N, C-alpha and C. Protein backbone atom coordinates (compact mmCIF):
# COMPACT_ATOMS: atom_id res chain seq x y z
N MET A 1 43.38 -13.60 1.26
CA MET A 1 43.72 -12.80 0.08
C MET A 1 42.64 -11.75 -0.15
N PRO A 2 43.00 -10.49 -0.38
CA PRO A 2 41.99 -9.45 -0.61
C PRO A 2 41.27 -9.67 -1.92
N ILE A 3 40.01 -9.25 -1.97
CA ILE A 3 39.19 -9.37 -3.16
C ILE A 3 39.02 -7.98 -3.75
N THR A 4 39.23 -7.84 -5.05
CA THR A 4 39.16 -6.54 -5.70
C THR A 4 38.20 -6.59 -6.87
N LEU A 5 37.31 -5.59 -6.97
CA LEU A 5 36.42 -5.46 -8.12
C LEU A 5 37.08 -4.51 -9.11
N ASN A 6 37.48 -5.04 -10.26
CA ASN A 6 38.20 -4.26 -11.25
C ASN A 6 37.25 -3.42 -12.09
N GLY A 7 37.78 -2.40 -12.75
CA GLY A 7 36.98 -1.53 -13.60
C GLY A 7 36.31 -2.26 -14.74
N SER A 8 36.87 -3.39 -15.15
CA SER A 8 36.29 -4.15 -16.26
C SER A 8 35.09 -4.98 -15.84
N GLY A 9 34.80 -5.00 -14.55
CA GLY A 9 33.67 -5.78 -14.07
C GLY A 9 34.04 -7.18 -13.66
N THR A 10 35.33 -7.49 -13.57
CA THR A 10 35.77 -8.80 -13.12
C THR A 10 36.27 -8.68 -11.69
N VAL A 11 36.33 -9.83 -11.04
CA VAL A 11 36.78 -9.86 -9.65
C VAL A 11 38.11 -10.58 -9.57
N SER A 12 39.09 -9.94 -8.94
CA SER A 12 40.39 -10.58 -8.75
C SER A 12 40.54 -10.95 -7.28
N GLY A 13 41.46 -11.87 -7.05
CA GLY A 13 41.69 -12.31 -5.68
C GLY A 13 40.86 -13.51 -5.31
N ILE A 14 40.23 -14.16 -6.30
CA ILE A 14 39.43 -15.36 -6.06
C ILE A 14 40.16 -16.55 -6.65
N SER A 15 40.13 -17.67 -5.95
CA SER A 15 40.81 -18.86 -6.44
C SER A 15 40.14 -19.38 -7.70
N ALA A 16 40.78 -20.34 -8.37
CA ALA A 16 40.27 -20.89 -9.63
C ALA A 16 38.90 -21.51 -9.46
N GLY A 17 38.56 -21.86 -8.23
CA GLY A 17 37.25 -22.47 -8.00
C GLY A 17 36.09 -21.53 -8.24
N GLY A 18 36.39 -20.21 -8.34
CA GLY A 18 35.34 -19.23 -8.63
C GLY A 18 34.66 -18.75 -7.36
N LEU A 19 33.60 -17.97 -7.55
CA LEU A 19 32.86 -17.38 -6.44
C LEU A 19 32.00 -18.44 -5.76
N PRO A 20 31.95 -18.44 -4.43
CA PRO A 20 31.06 -19.36 -3.73
C PRO A 20 29.60 -18.99 -3.99
N ASP A 21 28.70 -19.94 -3.74
CA ASP A 21 27.27 -19.67 -3.90
C ASP A 21 26.85 -18.52 -3.01
N GLY A 22 25.95 -17.64 -3.55
CA GLY A 22 25.42 -16.55 -2.75
C GLY A 22 26.18 -15.26 -2.90
N ILE A 23 27.36 -15.28 -3.55
CA ILE A 23 28.12 -14.05 -3.74
C ILE A 23 27.55 -13.29 -4.93
N ILE A 24 27.35 -11.98 -4.78
CA ILE A 24 26.80 -11.15 -5.85
C ILE A 24 27.95 -10.73 -6.77
N GLN A 25 27.78 -10.91 -8.07
CA GLN A 25 28.79 -10.53 -9.02
C GLN A 25 28.52 -9.14 -9.58
N SER A 26 29.53 -8.54 -10.18
CA SER A 26 29.42 -7.16 -10.63
C SER A 26 28.32 -6.97 -11.67
N ALA A 27 28.08 -7.97 -12.52
CA ALA A 27 27.02 -7.86 -13.53
C ALA A 27 25.66 -7.74 -12.86
N ASP A 28 25.51 -8.42 -11.73
CA ASP A 28 24.25 -8.33 -10.99
C ASP A 28 24.06 -6.94 -10.42
N LEU A 29 25.14 -6.35 -9.91
CA LEU A 29 25.04 -5.01 -9.34
C LEU A 29 24.57 -4.00 -10.38
N ALA A 30 25.02 -4.15 -11.61
CA ALA A 30 24.67 -3.21 -12.66
C ALA A 30 23.18 -3.28 -13.01
N THR A 31 22.57 -4.43 -12.79
CA THR A 31 21.15 -4.59 -13.15
C THR A 31 20.23 -4.46 -11.95
N GLY A 32 20.78 -4.11 -10.81
CA GLY A 32 19.95 -3.87 -9.64
C GLY A 32 19.67 -5.09 -8.81
N VAL A 33 20.35 -6.20 -9.04
CA VAL A 33 20.14 -7.41 -8.26
C VAL A 33 20.91 -7.32 -6.95
N GLY A 34 20.35 -7.86 -5.90
CA GLY A 34 21.11 -7.98 -4.66
C GLY A 34 21.02 -6.81 -3.73
N GLY A 35 19.89 -6.12 -3.68
CA GLY A 35 19.72 -5.11 -2.66
C GLY A 35 19.98 -3.69 -3.09
N LYS A 36 19.95 -3.41 -4.38
CA LYS A 36 20.17 -2.05 -4.86
C LYS A 36 19.02 -1.15 -4.42
N LEU A 37 19.34 0.05 -3.95
CA LEU A 37 18.34 1.03 -3.57
C LEU A 37 17.73 1.64 -4.84
N LEU A 38 16.42 1.46 -5.02
CA LEU A 38 15.76 1.91 -6.24
C LEU A 38 15.12 3.28 -6.11
N GLN A 39 14.53 3.58 -4.95
CA GLN A 39 13.92 4.89 -4.76
C GLN A 39 13.64 5.11 -3.28
N VAL A 40 13.45 6.36 -2.92
CA VAL A 40 13.14 6.75 -1.54
C VAL A 40 11.94 7.69 -1.56
N VAL A 41 10.97 7.44 -0.70
CA VAL A 41 9.80 8.31 -0.54
C VAL A 41 9.72 8.73 0.92
N THR A 42 9.52 10.01 1.18
CA THR A 42 9.40 10.49 2.55
C THR A 42 8.17 11.38 2.70
N THR A 43 7.65 11.37 3.90
CA THR A 43 6.59 12.30 4.28
C THR A 43 7.01 12.95 5.59
N ASN A 44 7.02 14.28 5.61
CA ASN A 44 7.34 15.01 6.83
C ASN A 44 6.22 15.99 7.12
N ILE A 45 5.56 15.83 8.27
CA ILE A 45 4.39 16.64 8.62
C ILE A 45 4.75 17.53 9.79
N THR A 46 4.65 18.82 9.59
CA THR A 46 4.92 19.76 10.68
C THR A 46 3.65 20.39 11.22
N SER A 47 2.52 20.18 10.55
CA SER A 47 1.25 20.70 11.03
C SER A 47 0.67 19.76 12.09
N THR A 48 -0.34 20.22 12.81
CA THR A 48 -0.96 19.41 13.86
C THR A 48 -2.30 18.86 13.38
N SER A 49 -2.72 17.77 14.01
CA SER A 49 -4.02 17.18 13.71
C SER A 49 -4.39 16.24 14.85
N SER A 50 -5.59 15.71 14.82
CA SER A 50 -6.01 14.75 15.84
C SER A 50 -6.88 13.68 15.19
N VAL A 51 -6.81 12.47 15.74
CA VAL A 51 -7.55 11.33 15.21
C VAL A 51 -8.13 10.53 16.37
N ALA A 52 -9.40 10.20 16.28
CA ALA A 52 -10.06 9.39 17.30
C ALA A 52 -9.82 7.91 17.03
N PHE A 53 -9.66 7.14 18.10
CA PHE A 53 -9.50 5.69 17.98
C PHE A 53 -10.37 5.00 19.02
N GLY A 54 -10.62 3.72 18.82
CA GLY A 54 -11.48 2.97 19.72
C GLY A 54 -10.69 2.07 20.65
N SER A 55 -11.42 1.37 21.50
CA SER A 55 -10.81 0.38 22.38
C SER A 55 -10.48 -0.86 21.57
N TYR A 56 -9.19 -1.15 21.41
CA TYR A 56 -8.71 -2.24 20.57
C TYR A 56 -9.22 -2.10 19.13
N SER A 57 -9.44 -0.87 18.71
CA SER A 57 -9.93 -0.56 17.37
C SER A 57 -9.08 0.55 16.77
N LEU A 58 -8.54 0.32 15.58
CA LEU A 58 -7.65 1.29 14.97
C LEU A 58 -8.38 2.55 14.54
N ALA A 59 -7.67 3.66 14.59
CA ALA A 59 -8.20 4.91 14.03
C ALA A 59 -8.43 4.73 12.54
N ALA A 60 -9.36 5.48 12.00
CA ALA A 60 -9.71 5.34 10.59
C ALA A 60 -8.65 5.95 9.68
N SER A 61 -7.83 6.85 10.20
CA SER A 61 -6.82 7.51 9.37
C SER A 61 -5.61 7.88 10.21
N THR A 62 -4.56 8.34 9.55
CA THR A 62 -3.35 8.79 10.22
C THR A 62 -2.58 9.73 9.30
N PRO A 63 -1.97 10.78 9.84
CA PRO A 63 -1.11 11.62 9.01
C PRO A 63 0.26 10.99 8.77
N VAL A 64 0.62 9.99 9.60
CA VAL A 64 1.92 9.35 9.47
C VAL A 64 1.79 8.24 8.42
N THR A 65 1.85 8.64 7.17
CA THR A 65 1.63 7.73 6.06
C THR A 65 2.40 8.18 4.84
N ALA A 66 2.69 7.25 3.95
CA ALA A 66 3.37 7.57 2.70
C ALA A 66 3.02 6.48 1.69
N THR A 67 2.96 6.86 0.42
CA THR A 67 2.66 5.92 -0.66
C THR A 67 3.83 5.85 -1.62
N ILE A 68 4.20 4.63 -1.97
CA ILE A 68 5.29 4.40 -2.90
C ILE A 68 4.78 3.47 -4.01
N THR A 69 5.16 3.74 -5.24
CA THR A 69 4.79 2.88 -6.36
C THR A 69 6.03 2.11 -6.80
N SER A 70 5.96 0.80 -6.72
CA SER A 70 7.12 -0.04 -6.99
C SER A 70 7.61 0.13 -8.43
N THR A 71 8.92 0.12 -8.60
CA THR A 71 9.51 0.23 -9.92
C THR A 71 9.99 -1.11 -10.46
N ALA A 72 9.97 -2.14 -9.62
CA ALA A 72 10.40 -3.47 -10.04
C ALA A 72 9.53 -4.51 -9.37
N ALA A 73 9.51 -5.71 -9.92
CA ALA A 73 8.71 -6.80 -9.35
C ALA A 73 9.38 -7.35 -8.10
N ASN A 74 8.56 -7.71 -7.13
CA ASN A 74 9.00 -8.38 -5.90
C ASN A 74 10.02 -7.58 -5.09
N SER A 75 9.96 -6.26 -5.21
CA SER A 75 10.85 -5.43 -4.39
C SER A 75 10.54 -5.59 -2.92
N LYS A 76 11.53 -5.29 -2.09
CA LYS A 76 11.34 -5.21 -0.65
C LYS A 76 11.33 -3.72 -0.29
N PHE A 77 10.77 -3.41 0.87
CA PHE A 77 10.64 -2.01 1.27
C PHE A 77 11.06 -1.85 2.73
N ILE A 78 11.97 -0.92 2.96
CA ILE A 78 12.38 -0.59 4.32
C ILE A 78 11.51 0.58 4.79
N VAL A 79 10.82 0.38 5.92
CA VAL A 79 9.89 1.38 6.43
C VAL A 79 10.36 1.84 7.81
N SER A 80 10.45 3.16 7.98
CA SER A 80 10.77 3.76 9.27
C SER A 80 9.83 4.93 9.50
N CYS A 81 9.45 5.16 10.74
CA CYS A 81 8.59 6.31 11.02
C CYS A 81 8.76 6.77 12.46
N CYS A 82 8.36 8.03 12.67
CA CYS A 82 8.35 8.60 14.01
C CYS A 82 7.01 9.28 14.22
N THR A 83 6.32 8.88 15.28
CA THR A 83 5.02 9.45 15.63
C THR A 83 5.18 10.28 16.88
N ASN A 84 5.01 11.60 16.75
CA ASN A 84 5.15 12.53 17.87
C ASN A 84 3.80 13.13 18.24
N GLY A 85 3.56 13.28 19.51
CA GLY A 85 2.33 13.90 19.97
C GLY A 85 1.94 13.42 21.34
N GLU A 86 0.66 13.57 21.65
CA GLU A 86 0.16 13.20 22.97
C GLU A 86 -1.22 12.59 22.85
N SER A 87 -1.50 11.63 23.71
CA SER A 87 -2.78 10.93 23.71
C SER A 87 -3.67 11.42 24.84
N SER A 88 -4.99 11.32 24.63
CA SER A 88 -5.93 11.62 25.71
C SER A 88 -5.94 10.51 26.75
N LEU A 89 -5.42 9.33 26.39
CA LEU A 89 -5.27 8.23 27.34
C LEU A 89 -3.87 8.28 27.95
N GLU A 90 -3.67 7.51 28.99
CA GLU A 90 -2.32 7.37 29.52
C GLU A 90 -1.44 6.72 28.45
N ASP A 91 -0.15 7.03 28.50
CA ASP A 91 0.76 6.58 27.46
C ASP A 91 0.71 5.07 27.24
N HIS A 92 0.73 4.30 28.33
CA HIS A 92 0.77 2.85 28.18
C HIS A 92 -0.54 2.27 27.66
N GLU A 93 -1.58 3.10 27.54
CA GLU A 93 -2.85 2.65 26.99
C GLU A 93 -3.02 3.03 25.52
N THR A 94 -1.99 3.64 24.94
CA THR A 94 -2.04 4.07 23.55
C THR A 94 -1.08 3.23 22.73
N HIS A 95 -1.63 2.47 21.78
CA HIS A 95 -0.83 1.57 20.95
C HIS A 95 -0.80 2.07 19.51
N PHE A 96 0.18 1.58 18.76
CA PHE A 96 0.30 1.90 17.34
C PHE A 96 0.49 0.61 16.54
N VAL A 97 -0.11 0.58 15.36
CA VAL A 97 0.00 -0.58 14.48
C VAL A 97 0.42 -0.09 13.09
N LEU A 98 1.49 -0.69 12.55
CA LEU A 98 1.93 -0.38 11.20
C LEU A 98 1.10 -1.17 10.21
N ARG A 99 0.55 -0.48 9.21
CA ARG A 99 -0.32 -1.12 8.22
C ARG A 99 0.22 -0.91 6.81
N ARG A 100 0.03 -1.95 5.98
CA ARG A 100 0.33 -1.87 4.55
C ARG A 100 -1.00 -1.96 3.80
N ILE A 101 -1.25 -0.99 2.89
CA ILE A 101 -2.52 -0.94 2.18
C ILE A 101 -2.25 -1.01 0.68
N ILE A 102 -2.84 -2.01 0.03
CA ILE A 102 -2.70 -2.20 -1.41
C ILE A 102 -4.10 -2.40 -2.00
N GLY A 103 -4.47 -1.56 -2.94
CA GLY A 103 -5.78 -1.70 -3.58
C GLY A 103 -6.94 -1.60 -2.62
N GLY A 104 -6.78 -0.80 -1.57
CA GLY A 104 -7.84 -0.61 -0.59
C GLY A 104 -7.90 -1.67 0.49
N SER A 105 -7.07 -2.69 0.40
CA SER A 105 -7.04 -3.76 1.40
C SER A 105 -5.84 -3.58 2.32
N GLY A 106 -6.09 -3.53 3.64
CA GLY A 106 -5.04 -3.27 4.60
C GLY A 106 -4.59 -4.51 5.35
N THR A 107 -3.31 -4.57 5.68
CA THR A 107 -2.72 -5.68 6.43
C THR A 107 -1.83 -5.10 7.52
N SER A 108 -1.98 -5.57 8.74
CA SER A 108 -1.10 -5.15 9.83
C SER A 108 0.22 -5.89 9.69
N ILE A 109 1.33 -5.15 9.73
CA ILE A 109 2.66 -5.74 9.59
C ILE A 109 3.54 -5.27 10.74
N HIS A 110 4.65 -5.97 10.92
CA HIS A 110 5.59 -5.63 11.99
C HIS A 110 4.88 -5.57 13.35
N VAL A 111 4.09 -6.62 13.62
CA VAL A 111 3.40 -6.75 14.91
C VAL A 111 3.82 -8.06 15.55
N GLY A 112 3.57 -8.18 16.85
CA GLY A 112 3.86 -9.42 17.54
C GLY A 112 2.90 -10.53 17.12
N ASP A 113 3.24 -11.77 17.47
CA ASP A 113 2.38 -12.91 17.16
C ASP A 113 1.08 -12.83 17.96
N ALA A 114 -0.03 -13.18 17.30
CA ALA A 114 -1.31 -13.25 17.99
C ALA A 114 -1.26 -14.35 19.04
N ASP A 115 -1.83 -14.08 20.21
CA ASP A 115 -1.81 -15.05 21.30
C ASP A 115 -3.00 -14.78 22.21
N GLY A 116 -4.08 -15.54 22.05
CA GLY A 116 -5.28 -15.33 22.84
C GLY A 116 -5.89 -13.97 22.54
N VAL A 117 -6.27 -13.24 23.58
CA VAL A 117 -6.87 -11.91 23.40
C VAL A 117 -5.82 -10.80 23.51
N ARG A 118 -4.56 -11.19 23.61
CA ARG A 118 -3.50 -10.19 23.74
C ARG A 118 -3.38 -9.41 22.43
N PRO A 119 -3.38 -8.08 22.48
CA PRO A 119 -3.29 -7.30 21.24
C PRO A 119 -1.90 -7.41 20.60
N ALA A 120 -1.88 -7.63 19.29
CA ALA A 120 -0.62 -7.67 18.53
C ALA A 120 -0.40 -6.28 17.94
N VAL A 121 0.61 -5.57 18.40
CA VAL A 121 0.85 -4.18 17.99
C VAL A 121 2.29 -4.00 17.56
N SER A 122 2.55 -2.86 16.92
CA SER A 122 3.91 -2.52 16.49
C SER A 122 4.68 -1.76 17.55
N ALA A 123 3.97 -0.94 18.34
CA ALA A 123 4.62 -0.12 19.36
C ALA A 123 3.60 0.37 20.37
N ILE A 124 4.07 0.72 21.55
CA ILE A 124 3.26 1.35 22.59
C ILE A 124 3.82 2.75 22.80
N LYS A 125 2.95 3.69 23.06
CA LYS A 125 3.38 5.09 23.22
C LYS A 125 4.53 5.19 24.22
N SER A 126 5.55 5.93 23.82
CA SER A 126 6.67 6.17 24.72
C SER A 126 6.19 6.97 25.93
N LEU A 127 6.62 6.57 27.10
CA LEU A 127 6.15 7.21 28.33
C LEU A 127 6.63 8.65 28.42
N GLY A 128 5.73 9.54 28.76
CA GLY A 128 6.08 10.95 28.95
C GLY A 128 6.72 11.18 30.30
N TYR A 129 7.00 12.43 30.61
CA TYR A 129 7.67 12.78 31.85
C TYR A 129 6.83 12.43 33.07
N TYR A 130 5.53 12.71 32.99
CA TYR A 130 4.62 12.35 34.07
C TYR A 130 3.80 11.14 33.65
N SER A 131 3.63 10.18 34.56
CA SER A 131 2.92 8.95 34.20
C SER A 131 1.43 9.16 34.03
N ASN A 132 0.89 10.25 34.56
CA ASN A 132 -0.56 10.46 34.49
C ASN A 132 -0.87 11.87 34.00
N ASP A 133 -0.15 12.30 32.96
CA ASP A 133 -0.33 13.66 32.45
C ASP A 133 -0.75 13.59 30.98
N GLN A 134 -2.04 13.77 30.72
CA GLN A 134 -2.54 13.80 29.35
C GLN A 134 -2.94 15.24 29.03
N ASP A 135 -1.98 16.13 29.14
CA ASP A 135 -2.27 17.54 28.94
C ASP A 135 -1.11 18.26 28.25
N SER A 136 0.10 18.07 28.74
CA SER A 136 1.22 18.86 28.23
C SER A 136 2.53 18.07 28.21
N THR A 137 2.45 16.77 27.90
CA THR A 137 3.66 15.94 27.89
C THR A 137 3.71 15.10 26.62
N PRO A 138 4.10 15.70 25.49
CA PRO A 138 4.21 14.90 24.26
C PRO A 138 5.49 14.07 24.28
N SER A 139 5.53 13.05 23.44
CA SER A 139 6.74 12.25 23.29
C SER A 139 6.73 11.60 21.92
N GLY A 140 7.86 11.00 21.55
CA GLY A 140 7.99 10.39 20.23
C GLY A 140 8.06 8.88 20.32
N THR A 141 7.43 8.21 19.36
CA THR A 141 7.46 6.75 19.27
C THR A 141 8.06 6.39 17.92
N HIS A 142 9.20 5.72 17.93
CA HIS A 142 9.92 5.39 16.71
C HIS A 142 9.71 3.92 16.36
N VAL A 143 9.54 3.64 15.07
CA VAL A 143 9.40 2.26 14.59
C VAL A 143 10.27 2.09 13.35
N GLY A 144 10.97 0.97 13.29
CA GLY A 144 11.79 0.66 12.14
C GLY A 144 13.26 0.92 12.42
N PRO A 145 14.10 0.66 11.40
CA PRO A 145 13.73 0.23 10.07
C PRO A 145 13.22 -1.21 10.04
N TYR A 146 12.11 -1.39 9.32
CA TYR A 146 11.49 -2.70 9.16
C TYR A 146 11.49 -3.07 7.69
N LEU A 147 11.92 -4.28 7.36
CA LEU A 147 11.98 -4.74 5.97
C LEU A 147 10.71 -5.51 5.64
N ASP A 148 9.92 -4.96 4.72
CA ASP A 148 8.66 -5.57 4.30
C ASP A 148 8.83 -6.20 2.93
N SER A 149 8.22 -7.37 2.74
CA SER A 149 8.30 -8.11 1.47
C SER A 149 6.89 -8.41 0.96
N PRO A 150 6.24 -7.44 0.31
CA PRO A 150 4.85 -7.64 -0.11
C PRO A 150 4.67 -8.48 -1.37
N SER A 151 5.76 -8.79 -2.11
CA SER A 151 5.71 -9.63 -3.31
C SER A 151 4.69 -9.11 -4.32
N GLN A 152 4.93 -7.93 -4.85
CA GLN A 152 4.02 -7.29 -5.78
C GLN A 152 4.69 -7.04 -7.13
N ALA A 153 3.84 -6.87 -8.15
CA ALA A 153 4.35 -6.55 -9.48
C ALA A 153 4.85 -5.12 -9.53
N ALA A 154 5.68 -4.83 -10.53
CA ALA A 154 6.12 -3.46 -10.75
C ALA A 154 4.91 -2.59 -11.04
N GLY A 155 4.95 -1.34 -10.58
CA GLY A 155 3.85 -0.42 -10.80
C GLY A 155 2.74 -0.50 -9.78
N THR A 156 2.98 -1.21 -8.66
CA THR A 156 1.97 -1.34 -7.60
C THR A 156 2.10 -0.20 -6.60
N ALA A 157 1.00 0.50 -6.35
CA ALA A 157 0.99 1.56 -5.34
C ALA A 157 0.78 0.93 -3.96
N ILE A 158 1.70 1.20 -3.06
CA ILE A 158 1.66 0.63 -1.71
C ILE A 158 1.68 1.78 -0.71
N THR A 159 0.71 1.80 0.17
CA THR A 159 0.64 2.83 1.21
C THR A 159 0.99 2.21 2.56
N TYR A 160 1.88 2.86 3.30
CA TYR A 160 2.21 2.46 4.66
C TYR A 160 1.72 3.55 5.61
N GLY A 161 1.18 3.13 6.75
CA GLY A 161 0.71 4.09 7.74
C GLY A 161 0.81 3.54 9.14
N MET A 162 1.03 4.44 10.11
CA MET A 162 1.08 4.06 11.52
C MET A 162 -0.20 4.53 12.19
N PHE A 163 -1.04 3.58 12.61
CA PHE A 163 -2.37 3.89 13.11
C PHE A 163 -2.43 3.72 14.63
N ALA A 164 -3.14 4.65 15.29
CA ALA A 164 -3.29 4.61 16.75
C ALA A 164 -4.44 3.69 17.15
N MET A 165 -4.35 3.14 18.36
CA MET A 165 -5.38 2.26 18.91
C MET A 165 -5.36 2.36 20.42
N GLY A 166 -6.52 2.29 21.05
CA GLY A 166 -6.59 2.33 22.50
C GLY A 166 -6.57 0.96 23.13
N ARG A 167 -6.03 0.86 24.33
CA ARG A 167 -6.04 -0.39 25.08
C ARG A 167 -7.09 -0.30 26.18
N GLY A 168 -8.27 -0.87 25.93
CA GLY A 168 -9.31 -0.90 26.93
C GLY A 168 -10.16 0.34 27.01
N ALA A 169 -9.88 1.33 26.17
CA ALA A 169 -10.66 2.56 26.18
C ALA A 169 -10.48 3.29 24.86
N ALA A 170 -11.49 4.07 24.50
CA ALA A 170 -11.39 4.92 23.32
C ALA A 170 -10.70 6.22 23.69
N GLY A 171 -10.17 6.91 22.69
CA GLY A 171 -9.50 8.17 22.97
C GLY A 171 -9.17 8.92 21.70
N THR A 172 -8.31 9.90 21.84
CA THR A 172 -7.87 10.71 20.71
C THR A 172 -6.37 10.88 20.79
N PHE A 173 -5.71 10.76 19.63
CA PHE A 173 -4.29 11.05 19.58
C PHE A 173 -4.08 12.38 18.87
N TYR A 174 -3.28 13.24 19.48
CA TYR A 174 -3.01 14.58 18.95
C TYR A 174 -1.62 14.59 18.34
N TYR A 175 -1.55 14.62 17.02
CA TYR A 175 -0.28 14.56 16.31
C TYR A 175 0.41 15.92 16.29
N GLY A 176 1.67 15.91 16.65
CA GLY A 176 2.48 17.12 16.57
C GLY A 176 2.21 18.15 17.63
N ARG A 177 1.44 17.80 18.67
CA ARG A 177 1.08 18.79 19.68
C ARG A 177 0.71 18.10 20.99
N THR A 178 0.53 18.90 22.01
CA THR A 178 -0.01 18.42 23.28
C THR A 178 -1.53 18.43 23.21
N VAL A 179 -2.17 17.78 24.17
CA VAL A 179 -3.64 17.77 24.20
C VAL A 179 -4.16 19.19 24.34
N SER A 180 -3.63 19.93 25.31
CA SER A 180 -3.96 21.35 25.44
C SER A 180 -3.04 22.14 24.51
N THR A 181 -3.51 23.29 24.06
CA THR A 181 -2.71 24.06 23.09
C THR A 181 -2.42 25.47 23.59
N SER A 182 -2.26 25.63 24.88
CA SER A 182 -1.94 26.95 25.42
C SER A 182 -0.66 27.49 24.80
N ASN A 183 -0.62 28.79 24.58
CA ASN A 183 0.56 29.42 24.00
C ASN A 183 1.59 29.67 25.08
N ALA A 184 2.27 28.58 25.47
CA ALA A 184 3.25 28.66 26.56
C ALA A 184 4.32 27.59 26.33
N GLY A 185 5.42 27.71 27.03
CA GLY A 185 6.55 26.83 26.85
C GLY A 185 6.29 25.34 27.00
N PRO A 186 5.45 24.90 27.95
CA PRO A 186 5.24 23.47 28.14
C PRO A 186 4.39 22.80 27.06
N TYR A 187 3.96 23.52 26.04
CA TYR A 187 3.05 22.96 25.03
C TYR A 187 3.75 22.93 23.68
N GLU A 188 4.69 21.99 23.55
CA GLU A 188 5.57 21.94 22.39
C GLU A 188 4.84 21.49 21.12
N ARG A 189 5.43 21.84 19.99
CA ARG A 189 5.01 21.36 18.67
C ARG A 189 6.12 20.48 18.11
N LEU A 190 5.73 19.38 17.45
CA LEU A 190 6.71 18.41 16.98
C LEU A 190 6.36 17.95 15.57
N PRO A 191 7.34 17.42 14.80
CA PRO A 191 7.05 16.88 13.48
C PRO A 191 6.69 15.40 13.55
N ASN A 192 6.06 14.90 12.51
CA ASN A 192 5.84 13.47 12.31
C ASN A 192 6.41 13.11 10.95
N ASN A 193 6.93 11.91 10.82
CA ASN A 193 7.52 11.56 9.53
C ASN A 193 7.50 10.06 9.26
N MET A 194 7.61 9.74 7.96
CA MET A 194 7.73 8.35 7.51
C MET A 194 8.70 8.32 6.35
N LEU A 195 9.53 7.26 6.32
CA LEU A 195 10.51 7.06 5.27
C LEU A 195 10.32 5.66 4.69
N ILE A 196 10.25 5.55 3.36
CA ILE A 196 10.14 4.26 2.69
C ILE A 196 11.23 4.17 1.63
N MET A 197 11.96 3.06 1.63
CA MET A 197 13.00 2.81 0.64
C MET A 197 12.69 1.52 -0.12
N GLU A 198 12.65 1.60 -1.44
CA GLU A 198 12.45 0.40 -2.26
C GLU A 198 13.81 -0.25 -2.53
N ILE A 199 13.89 -1.54 -2.26
CA ILE A 199 15.11 -2.29 -2.41
C ILE A 199 14.88 -3.40 -3.44
N ALA A 200 15.76 -3.52 -4.42
CA ALA A 200 15.60 -4.55 -5.45
C ALA A 200 15.66 -5.94 -4.83
N ALA A 201 14.83 -6.85 -5.34
CA ALA A 201 14.79 -8.22 -4.82
C ALA A 201 16.08 -8.96 -5.16
């Protein structure tokens, strides 16, 4: 039997037994319960920059970042980002880690399980056209959508950022550009971006 949500806020097409457990009712939808989208924050960077990183050590900063202030308690956040550019290291030696920062304290999220000395990361640089070209072969690394549950009070400022890290060597990541910047066709410019959506608990 089809289920219909009537204009009065009642549901028809349900047997006398009522709604099964876990079904969201119309009154809940009106108050934002059950996954209502509360706000969206985006950052889109078209300028270029560069950040140094260490061997198995995160860069101190990143342009691929955005801050959202929660409007409700215990909200969840969907995080997506795209990191475009080129590394001074080979692509497979350049890692990225998604971080959540609250009150100056950072936590790595959306990473693999720790296991011995194996690095737990969110992504590895997408391979460029040439396997050994750290000069004019940028590429994009996409992460998300990832659902984060930081369990914070309303009014909490939360910063998300995608930080670069080297595997076995230090280096530099060049955001939005190739390592070399010659004014020629093979030296493309690209955007970087991050999207955060607050979802009601």
